[in-house]
Structures are given as structure tokens and as C-alpha cells.
């Protein structure tokens, strides 16, 4: 009787082992996280930011959705939503990673030349050209912002960076005028717009190859040289 029980128990164990071998492994449970098949995080996020900038410059912010960014970047909407849950969050990412470095590159010029407006304006003009050359999205995006009056980007940029630098620059220009170092007929708020118009607008035209009826090659160095000559020496011989 005891031997019979032992045989039955061994048979039961062998049956269970065989069943375990035949059983299919359980499917792995997908955990929340970055969608499968994606590139590494920082590279993918940078791609989405660059794609958004290109679309903003081409068609404006109002007409650019997260879905259109996904299509342009050739990724799934889930991929975009993994990094940015809304367009506002994406714009905040652009401001932090793209616009703030540009702002830093343009800052500090007047502080370095507190008593020399010609040197300050000359350096700032060159910096506009350098920044727009290093960041191909800058010129067309600035131009579109002027034409279409896109306010969302301006509002969020102001919320992030404020306007203290602009106010300080305007005060510096007014001081130069009072001290007789700068043309008193200049309108301080228009100085920066004029500088950008002399630099950013031609650079945007270069990108679309729309400079001059003769289509002569004009590069960033030529634009900087022209703008500085016009500002410092005027149109006289």
C-alpha cells in the first residue's frame, strides 16, 4: 500500500513537470514609459524641438499641432506626448533649450561698451548675424512673428525671461542721447527693430534665395558688413 502511494505521488510530480514545460511563457507586462523603438531620450526630444521650430517658422505657431509635429518628425503622436503633453509645454521647452541660449548670446553688449554706442551697436549687429547664422530657424521665425503677430510665444517668453534687459538697454540709449553720444532724433524703441531689420530680414531672404534681381551670392559676412557700414557711416560717400 505504501509503495502504491509513492508511485502515484511520483507520477503526479512528473505530470506537473511536463505540464510546466509545455506551458507558454506569460507575456511581458508593458510598463509605462517611452514608446518602444524610440531613439534615446535627449536625442529624440531635441529632434522634436527642432521639428517644431521648423514648422513654427514655416506655418506659424497657431497652425502647428502636436500631431503635425509627429508627422513631420516621422514619429508617433504617442512619442510626442511622452515628452510634451501640450503645445504650451513644448513651447516652454523651446524657450528653455533654444531661445534662452540665444538671449544669452545677445546679452551684455551695452554693459561692455557703456560709453561707446558705436562699438555697442556694431557688436550687437554682428551678434544678430552670428546668432541667425548658427540657428537657421531664428530669422524666418522672427519674420513670421512680426507679420502674423503670434502672441503665444511672446507671452510665454515674457513670463520666462521678463523684459528687464530691454528696459536697461532703452535707458542706456536714452543716456547716450542725453550725453550727446548718439543721434537725438533716433527713437530708442526702434533701434533694435532697425538693427534686426538690417540683419535678420536679409538672412531670411538668403534662406529662401530671394535677394536681388541679379541673384548675386550674398552671405552673412556681407550682410553684417553692409549693416554696420550703413549704421556707422550712413549713405554718404
C-alpha atoms as a PDB file:
ATOM      1  CA  UNK A   1       0.000   0.000   0.000  1.00  0.00           C
ATOM      2  CA  UNK A   2       2.804   2.412   0.900  1.00  0.00           C
ATOM      3  CA  UNK A   3       4.629   1.601  -2.346  1.00  0.00           C
ATOM      4  CA  UNK A   4       1.436   2.337  -4.322  1.00  0.00           C
ATOM      5  CA  UNK A   5       1.120   5.785  -2.736  1.00  0.00           C
ATOM      6  CA  UNK A   6       4.759   6.576  -3.524  1.00  0.00           C
ATOM      7  CA  UNK A   7       4.292   5.560  -7.184  1.00  0.00           C
ATOM      8  CA  UNK A   8       1.159   7.721  -7.518  1.00  0.00           C
ATOM      9  CA  UNK A   9       2.951  10.711  -5.960  1.00  0.00           C
ATOM     10  CA  UNK A  10       5.950  10.363  -8.307  1.00  0.00           C
ATOM     11  CA  UNK A  11       3.590  10.083 -11.292  1.00  0.00           C
ATOM     12  CA  UNK A  12       1.788  13.253 -10.216  1.00  0.00           C
ATOM     13  CA  UNK A  13       5.076  15.133  -9.917  1.00  0.00           C
ATOM     14  CA  UNK A  14       6.192  14.005 -13.399  1.00  0.00           C
ATOM     15  CA  UNK A  15       2.851  15.088 -14.875  1.00  0.00           C
ATOM     16  CA  UNK A  16       3.150  18.566 -13.284  1.00  0.00           C
ATOM     17  CA  UNK A  17       6.725  18.999 -14.551  1.00  0.00           C
ATOM     18  CA  UNK A  18       5.674  18.051 -18.079  1.00  0.00           C
ATOM     19  CA  UNK A  19       2.778  20.488 -17.933  1.00  0.00           C
ATOM     20  CA  UNK A  20       5.104  23.270 -16.792  1.00  0.00           C
ATOM     21  CA  UNK A  21       7.428  22.582 -19.738  1.00  0.00           C
ATOM     22  CA  UNK A  22       4.563  22.701 -22.240  1.00  0.00           C
ATOM     23  CA  UNK A  23       3.106  25.896 -20.825  1.00  0.00           C
ATOM     24  CA  UNK A  24       3.769  29.090 -22.821  1.00  0.00           C
ATOM     25  CA  UNK A  25       5.675  31.831 -21.041  1.00  0.00           C
ATOM     26  CA  UNK A  26       3.473  34.667 -19.842  1.00  0.00           C
ATOM     27  CA  UNK A  27       3.552  37.816 -21.966  1.00  0.00           C
ATOM     28  CA  UNK A  28       5.703  40.545 -20.526  1.00  0.00           C
ATOM     29  CA  UNK A  29       3.691  43.332 -18.985  1.00  0.00           C
ATOM     30  CA  UNK A  30       4.356  46.655 -20.751  1.00  0.00           C
ATOM     31  CA  UNK A  31       5.236  49.282 -18.228  1.00  0.00           C
ATOM     32  CA  UNK A  32       4.546  52.992 -18.726  1.00  0.00           C
ATOM     33  CA  UNK A  33       7.400  54.833 -20.372  1.00  0.00           C
ATOM     34  CA  UNK A  34       8.877  55.923 -23.674  1.00  0.00           C
ATOM     35  CA  UNK A  35       7.214  54.201 -26.685  1.00  0.00           C
ATOM     36  CA  UNK A  36       9.042  51.157 -27.992  1.00  0.00           C
ATOM     37  CA  UNK A  37      11.525  51.574 -30.832  1.00  0.00           C
ATOM     38  CA  UNK A  38      12.407  55.164 -29.977  1.00  0.00           C
ATOM     39  CA  UNK A  39      15.810  56.762 -30.033  1.00  0.00           C
ATOM     40  CA  UNK A  40      17.479  57.767 -26.821  1.00  0.00           C
ATOM     41  CA  UNK A  41      15.639  60.388 -24.809  1.00  0.00           C
ATOM     42  CA  UNK A  42      17.736  63.553 -25.239  1.00  0.00           C
ATOM     43  CA  UNK A  43      18.255  62.934 -28.969  1.00  0.00           C
ATOM     44  CA  UNK A  44      14.563  62.275 -29.579  1.00  0.00           C
ATOM     45  CA  UNK A  45      13.500  65.316 -27.572  1.00  0.00           C
ATOM     46  CA  UNK A  46      15.956  67.511 -29.465  1.00  0.00           C
ATOM     47  CA  UNK A  47      14.594  66.205 -32.770  1.00  0.00           C
ATOM     48  CA  UNK A  48      11.054  67.129 -31.747  1.00  0.00           C
ATOM     49  CA  UNK A  49      12.131  70.626 -30.688  1.00  0.00           C
ATOM     50  CA  UNK A  50      13.965  71.224 -33.969  1.00  0.00           C
ATOM     51  CA  UNK A  51      10.979  69.925 -35.931  1.00  0.00           C
ATOM     52  CA  UNK A  52       8.632  72.214 -34.028  1.00  0.00           C
ATOM     53  CA  UNK A  53      10.875  75.219 -34.712  1.00  0.00           C
ATOM     54  CA  UNK A  54      10.947  74.446 -38.433  1.00  0.00           C
ATOM     55  CA  UNK A  55       7.150  74.158 -38.559  1.00  0.00           C
ATOM     56  CA  UNK A  56       6.636  77.310 -36.492  1.00  0.00           C
ATOM     57  CA  UNK A  57       8.882  79.224 -38.897  1.00  0.00           C
ATOM     58  CA  UNK A  58       7.147  77.746 -41.944  1.00  0.00           C
ATOM     59  CA  UNK A  59       3.468  77.925 -40.991  1.00  0.00           C
ATOM     60  CA  UNK A  60       3.216  79.719 -37.668  1.00  0.00           C
ATOM     61  CA  UNK A  61       2.515  78.524 -34.157  1.00  0.00           C
ATOM     62  CA  UNK A  62      -1.275  78.689 -34.349  1.00  0.00           C
ATOM     63  CA  UNK A  63      -1.396  76.227 -37.255  1.00  0.00           C
ATOM     64  CA  UNK A  64       1.102  73.779 -35.762  1.00  0.00           C
ATOM     65  CA  UNK A  65      -0.311  70.960 -33.640  1.00  0.00           C
ATOM     66  CA  UNK A  66       1.461  68.180 -31.783  1.00  0.00           C
ATOM     67  CA  UNK A  67       0.077  65.770 -34.380  1.00  0.00           C
ATOM     68  CA  UNK A  68       1.639  67.750 -37.232  1.00  0.00           C
ATOM     69  CA  UNK A  69       4.967  67.767 -35.388  1.00  0.00           C
ATOM     70  CA  UNK A  70       4.748  63.985 -35.066  1.00  0.00           C
ATOM     71  CA  UNK A  71       4.090  63.620 -38.802  1.00  0.00           C
ATOM     72  CA  UNK A  72       6.949  65.926 -39.753  1.00  0.00           C
ATOM     73  CA  UNK A  73       9.366  64.152 -37.398  1.00  0.00           C
ATOM     74  CA  UNK A  74       8.124  60.741 -38.613  1.00  0.00           C
ATOM     75  CA  UNK A  75       7.259  59.546 -35.121  1.00  0.00           C
ATOM     76  CA  UNK A  76       4.013  58.515 -33.482  1.00  0.00           C
ATOM     77  CA  UNK A  77       1.777  61.014 -31.651  1.00  0.00           C
ATOM     78  CA  UNK A  78       2.414  58.924 -28.534  1.00  0.00           C
ATOM     79  CA  UNK A  79       6.105  59.735 -28.846  1.00  0.00           C
ATOM     80  CA  UNK A  80       5.423  63.482 -28.888  1.00  0.00           C
ATOM     81  CA  UNK A  81       3.014  63.187 -25.963  1.00  0.00           C
ATOM     82  CA  UNK A  82       5.622  61.292 -23.982  1.00  0.00           C
ATOM     83  CA  UNK A  83       7.853  64.385 -23.986  1.00  0.00           C
ATOM     84  CA  UNK A  84       5.256  67.166 -24.310  1.00  0.00           C
ATOM     85  CA  UNK A  85       1.670  66.748 -23.152  1.00  0.00           C
ATOM     86  CA  UNK A  86       0.583  70.058 -24.694  1.00  0.00           C
ATOM     87  CA  UNK A  87       1.750  72.643 -27.190  1.00  0.00           C
ATOM     88  CA  UNK A  88       2.308  75.073 -24.333  1.00  0.00           C
ATOM     89  CA  UNK A  89       4.671  72.632 -22.648  1.00  0.00           C
ATOM     90  CA  UNK A  90       6.537  72.189 -25.922  1.00  0.00           C
ATOM     91  CA  UNK A  91       6.876  75.962 -26.294  1.00  0.00           C
ATOM     92  CA  UNK A  92       8.250  76.157 -22.760  1.00  0.00           C
ATOM     93  CA  UNK A  93      10.803  73.515 -23.748  1.00  0.00           C
ATOM     94  CA  UNK A  94      11.762  75.567 -26.802  1.00  0.00           C
ATOM     95  CA  UNK A  95      12.177  78.680 -24.708  1.00  0.00           C
ATOM     96  CA  UNK A  96      14.416  76.927 -22.201  1.00  0.00           C
ATOM     97  CA  UNK A  97      16.549  74.928 -24.647  1.00  0.00           C
ATOM     98  CA  UNK A  98      16.648  77.173 -27.726  1.00  0.00           C
ATOM     99  CA  UNK A  99      15.611  80.758 -27.005  1.00  0.00           C
ATOM    100  CA  UNK A 100      17.319  81.322 -23.662  1.00  0.00           C
ATOM    101  CA  UNK A 101      20.769  80.421 -25.089  1.00  0.00           C
ATOM    102  CA  UNK A 102      20.112  82.876 -27.940  1.00  0.00           C
ATOM    103  CA  UNK A 103      19.092  85.543 -25.444  1.00  0.00           C
ATOM    104  CA  UNK A 104      22.295  84.925 -23.500  1.00  0.00           C
ATOM    105  CA  UNK A 105      24.368  85.212 -26.686  1.00  0.00           C
ATOM    106  CA  UNK A 106      22.857  88.628 -27.415  1.00  0.00           C
ATOM    107  CA  UNK A 107      23.173  89.960 -23.872  1.00  0.00           C
ATOM    108  CA  UNK A 108      25.806  92.044 -22.146  1.00  0.00           C
ATOM    109  CA  UNK A 109      26.813  94.152 -25.150  1.00  0.00           C
ATOM    110  CA  UNK A 110      25.820  97.544 -23.741  1.00  0.00           C
ATOM    111  CA  UNK A 111      27.429  96.748 -20.400  1.00  0.00           C
ATOM    112  CA  UNK A 112      30.755  96.156 -22.151  1.00  0.00           C
ATOM    113  CA  UNK A 113      30.557  99.486 -24.002  1.00  0.00           C
ATOM    114  CA  UNK A 114      28.775 101.839 -21.582  1.00  0.00           C
ATOM    115  CA  UNK A 115      30.296 104.977 -23.123  1.00  0.00           C
ATOM    116  CA  UNK A 116      30.688 103.918 -26.742  1.00  0.00           C
ATOM    117  CA  UNK A 117      27.358 103.497 -28.572  1.00  0.00           C
ATOM    118  CA  UNK A 118      29.040 102.908 -31.928  1.00  0.00           C
ATOM    119  CA  UNK A 119      31.038  99.975 -30.546  1.00  0.00           C
ATOM    120  CA  UNK A 120      27.977  98.583 -28.766  1.00  0.00           C
ATOM    121  CA  UNK A 121      25.683  98.799 -31.786  1.00  0.00           C
ATOM    122  CA  UNK A 122      28.380  97.427 -34.084  1.00  0.00           C
ATOM    123  CA  UNK A 123      28.922  94.404 -31.831  1.00  0.00           C
ATOM    124  CA  UNK A 124      25.187  93.825 -31.408  1.00  0.00           C
ATOM    125  CA  UNK A 125      24.690  93.924 -35.176  1.00  0.00           C
ATOM    126  CA  UNK A 126      27.397  91.308 -35.654  1.00  0.00           C
ATOM    127  CA  UNK A 127      25.842  89.172 -32.947  1.00  0.00           C
ATOM    128  CA  UNK A 128      22.447  89.245 -34.632  1.00  0.00           C
ATOM    129  CA  UNK A 129      24.095  87.890 -37.765  1.00  0.00           C
ATOM    130  CA  UNK A 130      26.068  85.274 -35.843  1.00  0.00           C
ATOM    131  CA  UNK A 131      23.018  84.035 -33.942  1.00  0.00           C
ATOM    132  CA  UNK A 132      20.841  83.852 -37.039  1.00  0.00           C
ATOM    133  CA  UNK A 133      23.577  82.017 -38.930  1.00  0.00           C
ATOM    134  CA  UNK A 134      24.109  79.483 -36.142  1.00  0.00           C
ATOM    135  CA  UNK A 135      20.353  78.973 -35.716  1.00  0.00           C
ATOM    136  CA  UNK A 136      18.668  78.724 -39.142  1.00  0.00           C
ATOM    137  CA  UNK A 137      15.204  78.833 -37.566  1.00  0.00           C
ATOM    138  CA  UNK A 138      15.778  82.238 -35.958  1.00  0.00           C
ATOM    139  CA  UNK A 139      15.411  84.551 -38.969  1.00  0.00           C
ATOM    140  CA  UNK A 140      12.257  83.035 -40.536  1.00  0.00           C
ATOM    141  CA  UNK A 141      10.600  82.598 -37.132  1.00  0.00           C
ATOM    142  CA  UNK A 142      11.294  86.224 -36.207  1.00  0.00           C
ATOM    143  CA  UNK A 143       9.966  87.407 -39.556  1.00  0.00           C
ATOM    144  CA  UNK A 144       6.799  85.326 -39.255  1.00  0.00           C
ATOM    145  CA  UNK A 145       6.251  86.592 -35.731  1.00  0.00           C
ATOM    146  CA  UNK A 146       6.379  90.189 -36.985  1.00  0.00           C
ATOM    147  CA  UNK A 147       3.979  89.506 -39.872  1.00  0.00           C
ATOM    148  CA  UNK A 148       1.423  87.302 -38.130  1.00  0.00           C
ATOM    149  CA  UNK A 149       1.579  88.767 -34.617  1.00  0.00           C
ATOM    150  CA  UNK A 150       1.830  85.325 -32.999  1.00  0.00           C
ATOM    151  CA  UNK A 151       1.342  86.166 -29.336  1.00  0.00           C
ATOM    152  CA  UNK A 152       1.589  82.783 -27.608  1.00  0.00           C
ATOM    153  CA  UNK A 153       5.363  82.564 -27.915  1.00  0.00           C
ATOM    154  CA  UNK A 154       5.830  86.193 -26.861  1.00  0.00           C
ATOM    155  CA  UNK A 155       3.611  85.723 -23.813  1.00  0.00           C
ATOM    156  CA  UNK A 156       5.429  82.629 -22.594  1.00  0.00           C
ATOM    157  CA  UNK A 157       8.843  84.112 -23.371  1.00  0.00           C
ATOM    158  CA  UNK A 158       7.947  87.200 -21.363  1.00  0.00           C
ATOM    159  CA  UNK A 159       6.729  85.021 -18.490  1.00  0.00           C
ATOM    160  CA  UNK A 160      10.038  83.142 -18.504  1.00  0.00           C
ATOM    161  CA  UNK A 161      12.562  85.921 -19.140  1.00  0.00           C
ATOM    162  CA  UNK A 162      10.789  89.193 -18.411  1.00  0.00           C
ATOM    163  CA  UNK A 163      11.818  92.456 -20.076  1.00  0.00           C
ATOM    164  CA  UNK A 164      14.408  93.858 -17.682  1.00  0.00           C
ATOM    165  CA  UNK A 165      17.203  93.565 -20.263  1.00  0.00           C
ATOM    166  CA  UNK A 166      15.174  95.520 -22.828  1.00  0.00           C
ATOM    167  CA  UNK A 167      14.351  98.233 -20.320  1.00  0.00           C
ATOM    168  CA  UNK A 168      18.014  98.546 -19.334  1.00  0.00           C
ATOM    169  CA  UNK A 169      19.054  98.814 -22.987  1.00  0.00           C
ATOM    170  CA  UNK A 170      16.478 101.536 -23.667  1.00  0.00           C
ATOM    171  CA  UNK A 171      17.724 103.507 -20.664  1.00  0.00           C
ATOM    172  CA  UNK A 172      21.275 103.188 -21.973  1.00  0.00           C
ATOM    173  CA  UNK A 173      20.257 104.504 -25.407  1.00  0.00           C
ATOM    174  CA  UNK A 174      18.442 107.465 -23.849  1.00  0.00           C
ATOM    175  CA  UNK A 175      21.502 108.243 -21.718  1.00  0.00           C
ATOM    176  CA  UNK A 176      23.724 108.234 -24.817  1.00  0.00           C
ATOM    177  CA  UNK A 177      21.328 110.692 -26.437  1.00  0.00           C
ATOM    178  CA  UNK A 178      21.336 112.982 -23.414  1.00  0.00           C
ATOM    179  CA  UNK A 179      25.142 112.881 -23.303  1.00  0.00           C
ATOM    180  CA  UNK A 180      25.392 113.754 -26.986  1.00  0.00           C
ATOM    181  CA  UNK A 181      26.932 110.394 -27.905  1.00  0.00           C
ATOM    182  CA  UNK A 182      24.020 109.216 -30.049  1.00  0.00           C
ATOM    183  CA  UNK A 183      21.750 110.907 -32.566  1.00  0.00           C
ATOM    184  CA  UNK A 184      18.960 112.569 -30.598  1.00  0.00           C
ATOM    185  CA  UNK A 185      16.482 112.042 -33.450  1.00  0.00           C
ATOM    186  CA  UNK A 186      16.592 108.271 -33.049  1.00  0.00           C
ATOM    187  CA  UNK A 187      13.603 106.596 -31.423  1.00  0.00           C
ATOM    188  CA  UNK A 188      15.042 104.255 -28.751  1.00  0.00           C
ATOM    189  CA  UNK A 189      12.349 101.541 -29.146  1.00  0.00           C
ATOM    190  CA  UNK A 190      13.041 101.414 -32.895  1.00  0.00           C
ATOM    191  CA  UNK A 191      16.804 100.973 -32.588  1.00  0.00           C
ATOM    192  CA  UNK A 192      16.616  97.221 -32.011  1.00  0.00           C
ATOM    193  CA  UNK A 193      13.924  96.742 -34.633  1.00  0.00           C
ATOM    194  CA  UNK A 194      16.107  98.632 -37.108  1.00  0.00           C
ATOM    195  CA  UNK A 195      19.152  96.504 -36.286  1.00  0.00           C
ATOM    196  CA  UNK A 196      17.174  93.316 -36.746  1.00  0.00           C
ATOM    197  CA  UNK A 197      15.619  94.608 -39.942  1.00  0.00           C
ATOM    198  CA  UNK A 198      19.079  95.253 -41.382  1.00  0.00           C
ATOM    199  CA  UNK A 199      20.319  91.791 -40.436  1.00  0.00           C
ATOM    200  CA  UNK A 200      17.572  89.241 -39.834  1.00  0.00           C
ATOM    201  CA  UNK A 201      15.418  90.185 -42.832  1.00  0.00           C
ATOM    202  CA  UNK A 202      18.257  89.757 -45.383  1.00  0.00           C
ATOM    203  CA  UNK A 203      19.286  86.495 -43.713  1.00  0.00           C
ATOM    204  CA  UNK A 204      15.726  85.199 -44.000  1.00  0.00           C
ATOM    205  CA  UNK A 205      15.797  86.181 -47.676  1.00  0.00           C
ATOM    206  CA  UNK A 206      19.062  84.293 -48.163  1.00  0.00           C
ATOM    207  CA  UNK A 207      17.420  81.148 -46.838  1.00  0.00           C
ATOM    208  CA  UNK A 208      14.698  81.455 -49.474  1.00  0.00           C
ATOM    209  CA  UNK A 209      17.128  82.737 -52.140  1.00  0.00           C
ATOM    210  CA  UNK A 210      15.192  85.940 -52.695  1.00  0.00           C
ATOM    211  CA  UNK A 211      17.942  88.566 -52.591  1.00  0.00           C
ATOM    212  CA  UNK A 212      18.406  90.838 -55.574  1.00  0.00           C
ATOM    213  CA  UNK A 213      17.186  90.574 -59.171  1.00  0.00           C
ATOM    214  CA  UNK A 214      20.668  89.540 -60.269  1.00  0.00           C
ATOM    215  CA  UNK A 215      20.692  86.733 -57.709  1.00  0.00           C
ATOM    216  CA  UNK A 216      24.239  87.611 -56.689  1.00  0.00           C
ATOM    217  CA  UNK A 217      25.620  85.485 -53.868  1.00  0.00           C
ATOM    218  CA  UNK A 218      25.368  87.380 -50.595  1.00  0.00           C
ATOM    219  CA  UNK A 219      26.488  85.708 -47.401  1.00  0.00           C
ATOM    220  CA  UNK A 220      26.206  86.508 -43.705  1.00  0.00           C
ATOM    221  CA  UNK A 221      29.535  88.377 -43.681  1.00  0.00           C
ATOM    222  CA  UNK A 222      28.336  90.686 -46.444  1.00  0.00           C
ATOM    223  CA  UNK A 223      25.095  91.371 -44.571  1.00  0.00           C
ATOM    224  CA  UNK A 224      26.966  92.225 -41.363  1.00  0.00           C
ATOM    225  CA  UNK A 225      29.399  94.480 -43.242  1.00  0.00           C
ATOM    226  CA  UNK A 226      26.566  96.276 -45.044  1.00  0.00           C
ATOM    227  CA  UNK A 227      24.516  96.807 -41.871  1.00  0.00           C
ATOM    228  CA  UNK A 228      27.466  98.141 -39.877  1.00  0.00           C
ATOM    229  CA  UNK A 229      28.532 100.475 -42.706  1.00  0.00           C
ATOM    230  CA  UNK A 230      25.003 101.828 -43.037  1.00  0.00           C
ATOM    231  CA  UNK A 231      24.655 102.364 -39.296  1.00  0.00           C
ATOM    232  CA  UNK A 232      28.058 103.903 -38.655  1.00  0.00           C
ATOM    233  CA  UNK A 233      28.741 105.821 -41.870  1.00  0.00           C
ATOM    234  CA  UNK A 234      25.282 106.343 -43.335  1.00  0.00           C
ATOM    235  CA  UNK A 235      24.686 106.546 -47.086  1.00  0.00           C
ATOM    236  CA  UNK A 236      27.066 109.433 -47.764  1.00  0.00           C
ATOM    237  CA  UNK A 237      30.289 108.892 -49.709  1.00  0.00           C
END
